[in-house]
Amino acid sequence: MRRENAGFSVFTSAFREINRSRRSFIVSRSVVYLFWNPQ
């Protein structure tokens, strides 16, 4: 049970890190899109 809790915490931390990187990637991609396609 304790081992499962540790694995779950590691999984949640990794998921949070992936979410943060994905958000920054979307922001950078949108910035590049706006830079290459000015309105």
C-alpha atoms as a PDB file:
ATOM      1  CA  MET A   1       0.000   0.000   0.000  1.00  0.00           C
ATOM      2  CA  ARG A   2       2.781   2.383   0.908  1.00  0.00           C
ATOM      3  CA  ARG A   3       4.633   1.438  -2.280  1.00  0.00           C
ATOM      4  CA  GLU A   4       1.509   2.131  -4.368  1.00  0.00           C
ATOM      5  CA  ASN A   5       1.180   5.554  -2.739  1.00  0.00           C
ATOM      6  CA  ALA A   6       4.786   6.390  -3.612  1.00  0.00           C
ATOM      7  CA  GLY A   7       4.287   5.322  -7.224  1.00  0.00           C
ATOM      8  CA  PHE A   8       1.080   7.350  -7.425  1.00  0.00           C
ATOM      9  CA  SER A   9       2.808  10.475  -6.114  1.00  0.00           C
ATOM     10  CA  VAL A  10       5.602  10.035  -8.678  1.00  0.00           C
ATOM     11  CA  PHE A  11       3.006   9.570 -11.412  1.00  0.00           C
ATOM     12  CA  THR A  12       1.096  12.697 -10.389  1.00  0.00           C
ATOM     13  CA  SER A  13       4.299  14.773 -10.253  1.00  0.00           C
ATOM     14  CA  ALA A  14       5.306  13.525 -13.703  1.00  0.00           C
ATOM     15  CA  PHE A  15       1.819  14.266 -15.030  1.00  0.00           C
ATOM     16  CA  ARG A  16       2.002  17.792 -13.601  1.00  0.00           C
ATOM     17  CA  GLU A  17       5.394  18.335 -15.252  1.00  0.00           C
ATOM     18  CA  ILE A  18       4.045  17.064 -18.597  1.00  0.00           C
ATOM     19  CA  ASN A  19       1.060  19.402 -18.305  1.00  0.00           C
ATOM     20  CA  ARG A  20       3.346  22.369 -17.633  1.00  0.00           C
ATOM     21  CA  SER A  21       5.622  21.547 -20.579  1.00  0.00           C
ATOM     22  CA  ARG A  22       2.610  21.026 -22.859  1.00  0.00           C
ATOM     23  CA  ARG A  23       1.151  24.396 -21.847  1.00  0.00           C
ATOM     24  CA  SER A  24       4.460  26.196 -22.475  1.00  0.00           C
ATOM     25  CA  PHE A  25       4.780  24.367 -25.801  1.00  0.00           C
ATOM     26  CA  ILE A  26       1.293  25.531 -26.872  1.00  0.00           C
ATOM     27  CA  VAL A  27       2.088  29.107 -25.832  1.00  0.00           C
ATOM     28  CA  SER A  28       5.392  29.129 -27.722  1.00  0.00           C
ATOM     29  CA  ARG A  29       3.741  27.591 -30.784  1.00  0.00           C
ATOM     30  CA  SER A  30       0.996  30.234 -30.764  1.00  0.00           C
ATOM     31  CA  VAL A  31       3.624  32.983 -30.393  1.00  0.00           C
ATOM     32  CA  VAL A  32       5.569  31.588 -33.360  1.00  0.00           C
ATOM     33  CA  TYR A  33       2.337  31.367 -35.378  1.00  0.00           C
ATOM     34  CA  LEU A  34       1.493  34.995 -34.627  1.00  0.00           C
ATOM     35  CA  PHE A  35       5.066  36.018 -35.449  1.00  0.00           C
ATOM     36  CA  TRP A  36       5.001  34.291 -38.837  1.00  0.00           C
ATOM     37  CA  ASN A  37       1.429  35.384 -39.663  1.00  0.00           C
ATOM     38  CA  PRO A  38       0.958  39.003 -38.595  1.00  0.00           C
ATOM     39  CA  GLN A  39      -2.559  40.317 -38.968  1.00  0.00           C
END
